[in-house]
Amino acid sequence: MRSHRYAAAASVALMLCCAYACSSDPTDPAADEDSGTGPGPGPGADGSPQGDTGPGPDPDGSTDGSTDAADAAVTCVGNPLTADGGTPDGGANPEAGLRPLGINYPFIVATSFLDGPQWVEADGGGSLVFTQITSDPPRVLRVAIDGGAATTVRPGPVGQGELPIGNAFRNNMIYTAVANNNNGAGSGSIWQTRPNGDAGPTIVAAPATNPNDLVVTENGTIFFTDPQYQTNPAVATGLYRVAPDGGVALVQGNLARPNGIALSRDGTQLYVGLGPLAAENPQTTKGVLVFTVAAGGTITPPGTPFLAAADLADTPDGIAIDVGGNLWVAEAAANGASSGRVEVFSPTKVKLGTLSFPTERPTGIAFGGPGDTTVFVTTETNVWVYPSRCAGVR
C-alpha cells in the first residue's frame, strides 16, 4: 500500500499460465485420505473405504462424499483465476469478470489516492471499507458490494498530516494504519473505529512513524509495516508488533520498504511484501518474506524469502491469501509508471496467472462479499472487483 504518488484511469487485460491443483494444506495427509487416493487400503477421512464417494462429511460440511463447487471454495482445488481450475482454453475469457466497482465519490477529486480495501461484516450485512489518503481531511470510506455512493466511516483531522492507509477488521473493530506526514515530527498511529463510525482509542505506534498496512490476529496482536515512504529516514523501516496490552516492538528492522502484509488461513504464517521505490533498485531488492507466528502471536526473526525479485514482474504492494494458500500480490510498476498487475502464486511459488492494469497502479487487495469469493483491488484512482473461484482469507 503505497502513498507517495498519483495515477490516472485504467483498462484491463489478463494473462494466465499453467494449471495447478492444491488443497488448503498440500502437505496434509488427510487431504489424500479424503480424496480416496491415498496409498494402500484403509478408511478415508469420512470413515468410508478408500475410493468410496458415498455419504460422508465434505470440506464444506455436506455429506455427498464428492468434490463439488462448495468444496472448491473451501479447499481451493486448482487455479483460482479460472472457472474450471485449469488454464483458459480456446475462446475462454476469464478477464471478463474484472471490472470497476462503479462508486459514486461525491467528495473525491482527481488526485485522490485510494488504498486499504477490507471487507467488513457488521449489523447483519457486509460492505467494503477503504481509504482516501490524499484529501484534506483524508477519510476511511465504505461502499456496498454493488457500488453506488461511498460514505464516510471516519474522517481524519484537517491539516495534521495524518494519512490513513491500510485497514484490518477483527472483533467488530476496524483498525487503520495511519502514517505521520509531518516531516519527522511525531509518531504514527493505529485508529480503532466501530463499523458505525464510533471512534475507539487510538494506538500510538511509536517508535514507528509511517504505519502502512496491518493485520490483527485472533488474540488481538497487531502486526504492521513501516516502509518510511513519508518522512523520517532516521526511524527503521520494518515489521512491528503491537501486543494485546498495547506495547509496540520492532520485530525486524532495516527491511527494503516493507509494505503489504497478510496472515495465512491458520494464522501461523505472516507474509510481508518488500516494495522499494523506483530509485532504490527494486529489481534486486523487492520480494515477499514469510514469518512463522507462534502461539500467542510472537515472531522470531528473520523472515524467510518466499518470493524473490526475479519472481515478481513489478513491485509488491498489497497482499491477500485464499483458502488454498495461494498468494495474491498487487504490484505497482517498478519504474514508477502508471501501471501494474496482480500476480497469483501457489503455496509452492508457482505463478498461476496475472491480472494486468496497463494504466493504473494497484495499491491494495482483499477478499470479501458473499462466500468471500470477490477480490477487491484498489488502484490509486479506482476500485476494481474480480470473481475468484476460491474463497479468500480475511
Protein backbone atom coordinates (compact mmCIF):
# COMPACT_ATOMS: atom_id res chain seq x y z
CA MET A 1 0.00 0.00 0.00
CA ARG A 2 1.80 3.00 -1.28
CA SER A 3 1.06 6.68 -0.72
CA HIS A 4 3.82 8.61 -2.47
CA ARG A 5 2.44 9.24 -6.00
CA TYR A 6 -0.78 9.53 -8.00
CA ALA A 7 -2.02 8.00 -11.25
CA ALA A 8 -4.77 8.07 -13.93
CA ALA A 9 -7.55 5.94 -15.44
CA ALA A 10 -7.43 2.28 -16.44
CA SER A 11 -8.13 -0.51 -18.88
CA VAL A 12 -7.58 -4.15 -18.17
CA ALA A 13 -6.02 -7.25 -19.71
CA LEU A 14 -5.46 -10.73 -18.36
CA MET A 15 -2.81 -13.36 -18.90
CA LEU A 16 -2.97 -16.80 -17.31
CA CYS A 17 -0.41 -19.51 -17.05
CA CYS A 18 -0.22 -23.17 -16.11
CA ALA A 19 -2.86 -25.03 -14.13
CA TYR A 20 -2.19 -26.00 -10.56
CA ALA A 21 -4.06 -28.14 -8.05
CA CYS A 22 -3.81 -27.55 -4.33
CA SER A 23 -5.63 -28.09 -1.09
CA SER A 24 -5.74 -25.79 1.90
CA ASP A 25 -2.70 -27.68 3.15
CA PRO A 26 -0.93 -29.58 0.36
CA THR A 27 1.27 -31.40 2.87
CA ASP A 28 -1.61 -32.69 4.99
CA PRO A 29 -2.10 -36.47 4.58
CA ALA A 30 -5.77 -36.01 5.41
CA ALA A 31 -6.21 -34.33 2.04
CA ASP A 32 -5.19 -37.59 0.32
CA GLU A 33 -7.35 -39.68 2.61
CA ASP A 34 -10.43 -37.59 1.94
CA SER A 35 -9.97 -37.85 -1.80
CA GLY A 36 -9.76 -41.62 -1.65
CA THR A 37 -6.39 -41.72 -3.42
CA GLY A 38 -4.05 -42.37 -0.52
CA PRO A 39 -1.69 -45.36 -0.60
CA GLY A 40 -2.96 -48.78 0.43
CA PRO A 41 -6.31 -49.89 1.82
CA GLY A 42 -7.94 -48.32 4.81
CA PRO A 43 -10.75 -45.98 5.72
CA GLY A 44 -10.98 -42.47 4.32
CA ALA A 45 -11.37 -39.39 6.48
CA ASP A 46 -15.14 -39.83 6.42
CA GLY A 47 -14.93 -43.44 7.60
CA SER A 48 -15.78 -44.91 4.19
CA PRO A 49 -13.43 -47.23 2.28
CA GLN A 50 -10.70 -45.67 0.15
CA GLY A 51 -12.13 -44.54 -3.16
CA ASP A 52 -15.71 -44.58 -1.89
CA THR A 53 -17.66 -41.48 -2.87
CA GLY A 54 -20.64 -42.36 -0.73
CA PRO A 55 -22.03 -40.28 2.12
CA GLY A 56 -19.50 -38.71 4.43
CA PRO A 57 -18.53 -35.22 5.50
CA ASP A 58 -17.06 -32.99 2.81
CA PRO A 59 -14.84 -29.99 3.48
CA ASP A 60 -17.86 -27.73 3.10
CA GLY A 61 -19.93 -29.74 5.59
CA SER A 62 -22.09 -31.52 3.03
CA THR A 63 -22.35 -35.31 3.03
CA ASP A 64 -22.40 -36.38 -0.62
CA GLY A 65 -18.76 -37.50 -0.43
CA SER A 66 -17.84 -35.82 -3.73
CA THR A 67 -15.96 -32.67 -4.65
CA ASP A 68 -18.45 -30.00 -5.61
CA ALA A 69 -18.37 -26.25 -6.15
CA ALA A 70 -18.69 -25.59 -2.44
CA ASP A 71 -15.74 -27.90 -1.76
CA ALA A 72 -13.64 -25.94 -4.25
CA ALA A 73 -14.31 -22.77 -2.30
CA VAL A 74 -13.12 -24.47 0.88
CA THR A 75 -10.12 -26.36 -0.44
CA CYS A 76 -9.21 -24.23 -3.46
CA VAL A 77 -8.62 -27.11 -5.85
CA GLY A 78 -6.93 -25.78 -8.97
CA ASN A 79 -6.28 -22.32 -10.35
CA PRO A 80 -8.43 -19.71 -8.55
CA LEU A 81 -8.47 -17.49 -11.63
CA THR A 82 -10.35 -19.89 -13.91
CA ALA A 83 -13.81 -21.41 -13.72
CA ASP A 84 -12.62 -24.99 -14.16
CA GLY A 85 -9.43 -24.69 -12.13
CA GLY A 86 -7.20 -25.00 -15.19
CA THR A 87 -5.75 -22.73 -17.82
CA PRO A 88 -8.18 -20.92 -20.15
CA ASP A 89 -8.82 -22.79 -23.38
CA GLY A 90 -9.83 -21.62 -26.85
CA GLY A 91 -12.30 -18.78 -26.59
CA ALA A 92 -12.38 -18.66 -22.80
CA ASN A 93 -12.20 -15.13 -21.44
CA PRO A 94 -11.60 -15.19 -17.66
CA GLU A 95 -10.78 -11.48 -17.83
CA ALA A 96 -14.43 -10.67 -18.43
CA GLY A 97 -15.12 -10.68 -14.69
CA LEU A 98 -12.64 -7.90 -13.89
CA ARG A 99 -14.46 -4.57 -13.75
CA PRO A 100 -14.57 -1.24 -11.93
CA LEU A 101 -16.88 -1.30 -8.93
CA GLY A 102 -18.72 1.83 -10.05
CA ILE A 103 -18.50 4.02 -6.97
CA ASN A 104 -20.02 7.49 -6.72
CA TYR A 105 -17.43 9.68 -4.99
CA PRO A 106 -19.22 12.97 -4.26
CA PHE A 107 -16.24 14.28 -2.26
CA ILE A 108 -13.30 12.71 -4.12
CA VAL A 109 -11.20 14.72 -6.54
CA ALA A 110 -8.99 13.54 -9.39
CA THR A 111 -5.85 13.45 -7.23
CA SER A 112 -7.40 11.17 -4.62
CA PHE A 113 -5.27 8.17 -3.68
CA LEU A 114 -7.23 5.04 -2.74
CA ASP A 115 -5.88 2.14 -0.69
CA GLY A 116 -6.60 -0.28 2.14
CA PRO A 117 -9.51 -2.44 0.90
CA GLN A 118 -11.06 -4.52 3.68
CA TRP A 119 -14.39 -6.37 3.77
CA VAL A 120 -16.39 -5.68 6.93
CA GLU A 121 -19.28 -7.82 8.17
CA ALA A 122 -21.38 -5.97 10.73
CA ASP A 123 -25.01 -5.45 11.69
CA GLY A 124 -26.21 -8.29 9.52
CA GLY A 125 -24.58 -7.05 6.33
CA GLY A 126 -21.27 -6.55 4.61
CA SER A 127 -19.52 -3.68 2.86
CA LEU A 128 -16.10 -2.71 1.55
CA VAL A 129 -14.04 -0.30 3.62
CA PHE A 130 -11.11 1.53 2.03
CA THR A 131 -9.14 4.74 2.48
CA GLN A 132 -8.93 8.00 0.57
CA ILE A 133 -5.47 9.20 1.51
CA THR A 134 -4.72 12.44 -0.32
CA SER A 135 -7.56 14.74 0.61
CA ASP A 136 -7.99 17.17 3.46
CA PRO A 137 -9.28 15.56 5.51
CA PRO A 138 -8.33 12.03 4.48
CA ARG A 139 -11.08 9.51 5.08
CA VAL A 140 -11.98 5.91 5.74
CA LEU A 141 -14.85 5.14 3.36
CA ARG A 142 -17.49 2.45 2.94
CA VAL A 143 -19.30 1.22 -0.16
CA ALA A 144 -21.71 -1.64 -0.91
CA ILE A 145 -20.60 -4.64 -2.94
CA ASP A 146 -22.60 -3.42 -5.93
CA GLY A 147 -21.05 0.05 -5.81
CA GLY A 148 -23.09 3.22 -5.52
CA ALA A 149 -22.45 6.09 -3.16
CA ALA A 150 -19.41 5.94 -0.90
CA THR A 151 -19.98 7.16 2.64
CA THR A 152 -17.52 8.25 5.31
CA VAL A 153 -16.83 5.86 8.18
CA ARG A 154 -14.24 8.11 9.77
CA PRO A 155 -12.75 11.42 8.62
CA GLY A 156 -9.22 12.29 9.61
CA PRO A 157 -8.23 15.59 11.21
CA VAL A 158 -7.74 18.53 8.88
CA GLY A 159 -4.21 19.77 8.24
CA GLN A 160 -2.42 17.50 10.71
CA GLY A 161 -0.53 15.29 8.29
CA GLU A 162 -2.26 12.04 9.26
CA LEU A 163 -2.53 9.62 6.35
CA PRO A 164 -4.84 6.61 6.88
CA ILE A 165 -3.63 3.81 4.60
CA GLY A 166 -4.23 0.12 5.40
CA ASN A 167 -7.29 -1.37 7.10
CA ALA A 168 -7.98 -4.60 9.01
CA PHE A 169 -11.11 -5.90 10.72
CA ARG A 170 -11.36 -8.08 13.82
CA ASN A 171 -13.89 -8.44 16.64
CA ASN A 172 -16.22 -5.78 15.25
CA MET A 173 -13.43 -3.19 15.09
CA ILE A 174 -11.84 -1.55 12.04
CA TYR A 175 -8.11 -0.99 12.53
CA THR A 176 -6.44 1.61 10.31
CA ALA A 177 -2.70 2.15 9.90
CA VAL A 178 -2.05 5.91 9.97
CA ALA A 179 1.23 7.35 8.70
CA ASN A 180 2.57 10.64 10.04
CA ASN A 181 3.42 13.08 7.26
CA ASN A 182 4.75 15.92 9.43
CA ASN A 183 8.37 15.83 8.26
CA GLY A 184 9.56 13.55 11.02
CA ALA A 185 7.69 15.16 13.91
CA GLY A 186 5.54 12.82 15.99
CA SER A 187 4.71 9.15 15.60
CA GLY A 188 2.34 7.12 13.52
CA SER A 189 -0.79 5.58 14.96
CA ILE A 190 -3.47 2.96 14.56
CA TRP A 191 -7.06 4.10 14.61
CA GLN A 192 -9.76 1.89 16.07
CA THR A 193 -13.24 2.52 14.69
CA ARG A 194 -16.52 0.69 15.09
CA PRO A 195 -18.37 -0.08 11.84
CA ASN A 196 -20.98 2.54 12.80
CA GLY A 197 -18.24 5.20 12.87
CA ASP A 198 -17.73 5.44 16.63
CA ALA A 199 -14.04 6.08 17.31
CA GLY A 200 -12.25 3.84 19.78
CA PRO A 201 -8.91 4.52 21.49
CA THR A 202 -6.05 5.44 19.17
CA ILE A 203 -2.95 3.25 19.47
CA VAL A 204 0.29 5.23 19.42
CA ALA A 205 2.67 3.33 17.14
CA ALA A 206 5.94 4.88 18.35
CA PRO A 207 8.75 4.39 17.54
CA ALA A 208 7.20 3.80 14.10
CA THR A 209 6.20 6.95 12.24
CA ASN A 210 4.70 5.65 8.99
CA PRO A 211 2.47 2.60 9.59
CA ASN A 212 1.29 1.41 6.21
CA ASP A 213 -0.54 -1.91 6.31
CA LEU A 214 -1.62 -4.21 9.13
CA VAL A 215 -3.25 -7.46 10.22
CA VAL A 216 -4.86 -8.42 13.52
CA THR A 217 -4.69 -11.96 14.92
CA GLU A 218 -7.46 -13.73 16.80
CA ASN A 219 -5.91 -12.87 20.18
CA GLY A 220 -5.68 -9.17 19.33
CA THR A 221 -2.00 -8.99 18.37
CA ILE A 222 -1.40 -6.43 15.61
CA PHE A 223 1.40 -6.68 13.06
CA PHE A 224 2.07 -3.64 10.89
CA THR A 225 4.62 -2.50 8.35
CA ASP A 226 6.50 0.81 8.28
CA PRO A 227 8.19 1.47 4.92
CA GLN A 228 9.05 5.11 5.71
CA TYR A 229 7.59 6.35 2.43
CA GLN A 230 6.64 9.66 4.04
CA THR A 231 9.01 11.35 6.42
CA ASN A 232 11.69 10.13 8.74
CA PRO A 233 14.65 8.09 7.44
CA ALA A 234 16.14 8.08 10.95
CA VAL A 235 13.46 5.60 12.04
CA ALA A 236 13.98 1.99 10.98
CA THR A 237 11.81 0.60 8.27
CA GLY A 238 10.46 -2.70 9.46
CA LEU A 239 7.82 -5.06 10.69
CA TYR A 240 6.32 -4.09 14.06
CA ARG A 241 4.18 -5.91 16.61
CA VAL A 242 1.58 -4.43 18.95
CA ALA A 243 0.88 -6.78 21.86
CA PRO A 244 -2.67 -7.16 23.15
CA ASP A 245 -1.67 -4.94 26.10
CA GLY A 246 -0.66 -2.15 23.69
CA GLY A 247 3.13 -2.47 23.80
CA VAL A 248 4.84 -1.75 20.47
CA ALA A 249 8.05 -3.54 19.45
CA LEU A 250 10.14 -3.80 16.30
CA VAL A 251 10.16 -7.40 15.02
CA GLN A 252 12.66 -6.94 12.19
CA GLY A 253 14.12 -3.66 11.01
CA ASN A 254 16.03 -2.29 8.04
CA LEU A 255 13.85 -4.08 5.53
CA ALA A 256 13.51 -2.83 1.96
CA ARG A 257 10.32 -0.78 2.35
CA PRO A 258 8.02 -3.39 3.94
CA ASN A 259 4.54 -2.78 2.65
CA GLY A 260 1.70 -5.27 2.14
CA ILE A 261 1.01 -7.85 4.84
CA ALA A 262 -1.26 -10.91 5.15
CA LEU A 263 -1.88 -13.84 7.50
CA SER A 264 -2.37 -17.42 6.37
CA ARG A 265 -5.67 -19.17 6.93
CA ASP A 266 -4.48 -20.85 10.14
CA GLY A 267 -2.70 -17.74 11.40
CA THR A 268 0.73 -19.39 11.57
CA GLN A 269 2.34 -17.71 8.56
CA LEU A 270 2.75 -13.97 8.07
CA TYR A 271 3.65 -12.66 4.61
CA VAL A 272 5.29 -9.26 4.14
CA GLY A 273 5.93 -7.60 0.79
CA LEU A 274 9.05 -5.52 0.21
CA GLY A 275 8.30 -2.52 -2.01
CA PRO A 276 11.37 -0.34 -2.63
CA LEU A 277 10.93 2.89 -4.57
CA ALA A 278 11.80 3.17 -8.26
CA ALA A 279 15.12 4.89 -7.42
CA GLU A 280 16.13 2.12 -4.99
CA ASN A 281 16.87 -0.67 -7.46
CA PRO A 282 13.67 -2.64 -6.90
CA GLN A 283 14.68 -5.23 -9.48
CA THR A 284 17.09 -6.69 -6.94
CA THR A 285 15.56 -5.76 -3.56
CA LYS A 286 11.81 -6.35 -3.98
CA GLY A 287 10.26 -9.59 -2.77
CA VAL A 288 7.96 -11.25 -0.24
CA LEU A 289 9.10 -12.60 3.14
CA VAL A 290 7.30 -15.15 5.29
CA PHE A 291 7.47 -15.28 9.09
CA THR A 292 6.29 -18.07 11.38
CA VAL A 293 3.80 -16.89 14.01
CA ALA A 294 3.98 -18.83 17.27
CA ALA A 295 1.16 -19.44 19.70
CA GLY A 296 0.40 -16.20 21.47
CA GLY A 297 1.25 -14.11 18.41
CA THR A 298 5.03 -13.86 18.71
CA ILE A 299 7.57 -14.00 15.87
CA THR A 300 11.25 -14.87 15.90
CA PRO A 301 13.03 -13.04 13.06
CA PRO A 302 14.40 -13.02 10.47
CA GLY A 303 11.77 -13.66 7.85
CA THR A 304 12.41 -16.25 5.17
CA PRO A 305 12.32 -15.24 1.49
CA PHE A 306 9.15 -16.60 -0.14
CA LEU A 307 9.21 -14.71 -3.44
CA ALA A 308 12.43 -13.25 -4.82
CA ALA A 309 12.79 -10.21 -7.05
CA ALA A 310 13.00 -12.43 -10.12
CA ASP A 311 9.61 -13.98 -9.31
CA LEU A 312 7.76 -10.66 -9.48
CA ALA A 313 7.08 -8.63 -12.60
CA ASP A 314 6.56 -5.39 -10.66
CA THR A 315 6.93 -4.12 -7.09
CA PRO A 316 4.67 -5.72 -4.45
CA ASP A 317 2.18 -3.54 -2.64
CA GLY A 318 -0.93 -5.15 -1.13
CA ILE A 319 -1.12 -8.90 -0.41
CA ALA A 320 -4.04 -11.30 0.09
CA ILE A 321 -4.33 -15.08 0.55
CA ASP A 322 -7.06 -17.52 -0.47
CA VAL A 323 -8.10 -20.65 1.40
CA GLY A 324 -5.75 -22.82 -0.64
CA GLY A 325 -2.75 -20.79 0.44
CA ASN A 326 -2.39 -19.03 -2.92
CA LEU A 327 -0.79 -15.61 -2.57
CA TRP A 328 -2.37 -12.70 -4.48
CA VAL A 329 0.13 -9.86 -4.87
CA ALA A 330 -0.96 -6.40 -6.02
CA GLU A 331 2.04 -4.85 -7.75
CA ALA A 332 2.86 -1.35 -8.99
CA ALA A 333 5.23 -0.76 -11.90
CA ALA A 334 8.80 -0.87 -10.61
CA ASN A 335 9.83 2.07 -12.81
CA GLY A 336 7.19 4.37 -11.34
CA ALA A 337 4.90 4.25 -14.38
CA SER A 338 1.12 4.36 -14.03
CA SER A 339 0.61 0.63 -14.48
CA GLY A 340 0.80 -2.62 -12.58
CA ARG A 341 -0.75 -6.03 -12.10
CA VAL A 342 -1.97 -8.65 -9.67
CA GLU A 343 0.03 -11.88 -9.76
CA VAL A 344 -1.19 -15.09 -8.13
CA PHE A 345 1.26 -17.67 -6.75
CA SER A 346 0.61 -21.15 -5.41
CA PRO A 347 1.92 -22.24 -1.98
CA THR A 348 4.85 -23.80 -3.85
CA LYS A 349 5.62 -20.47 -5.59
CA VAL A 350 4.22 -21.45 -9.00
CA LYS A 351 2.79 -18.40 -10.76
CA LEU A 352 -0.82 -19.23 -11.62
CA GLY A 353 -1.77 -16.10 -13.52
CA THR A 354 -1.82 -12.34 -13.87
CA LEU A 355 -4.46 -9.61 -13.86
CA SER A 356 -2.96 -6.69 -15.77
CA PHE A 357 -3.64 -2.99 -15.15
CA PRO A 358 -1.97 -1.18 -18.06
CA THR A 359 -2.84 2.37 -16.96
CA GLU A 360 -3.39 2.18 -13.19
CA ARG A 361 -1.15 1.34 -10.24
CA PRO A 362 -2.66 -1.25 -7.87
CA THR A 363 -2.30 -0.30 -4.21
CA GLY A 364 -4.21 -2.93 -2.23
CA ILE A 365 -6.10 -6.20 -2.49
CA ALA A 366 -8.63 -8.05 -0.31
CA PHE A 367 -11.32 -10.73 -0.41
CA GLY A 368 -14.92 -10.27 0.64
CA GLY A 369 -18.53 -10.40 -0.44
CA PRO A 370 -20.78 -13.47 -0.21
CA GLY A 371 -18.61 -16.50 0.42
CA ASP A 372 -15.51 -14.28 0.37
CA THR A 373 -15.09 -15.01 -3.34
CA THR A 374 -14.95 -11.42 -4.58
CA VAL A 375 -11.49 -9.92 -4.99
CA PHE A 376 -11.29 -6.15 -4.43
CA VAL A 377 -8.31 -4.30 -5.91
CA THR A 378 -7.73 -0.65 -5.13
CA THR A 379 -5.67 1.42 -7.52
CA GLU A 380 -4.64 5.00 -6.95
CA THR A 381 -7.89 6.22 -8.51
CA ASN A 382 -10.36 3.34 -8.57
CA VAL A 383 -11.69 0.14 -7.00
CA TRP A 384 -11.90 -2.99 -9.17
CA VAL A 385 -13.66 -6.30 -8.48
CA TYR A 386 -12.92 -9.79 -9.75
CA PRO A 387 -14.80 -13.06 -9.09
CA SER A 388 -12.42 -15.66 -7.68
CA ARG A 389 -13.35 -19.33 -7.89
CA CYS A 390 -11.75 -19.80 -4.47
CA ALA A 391 -12.70 -18.07 -1.25
CA GLY A 392 -10.25 -15.72 0.38
CA VAL A 393 -8.89 -15.35 3.89
CA ARG A 394 -9.78 -12.19 5.76
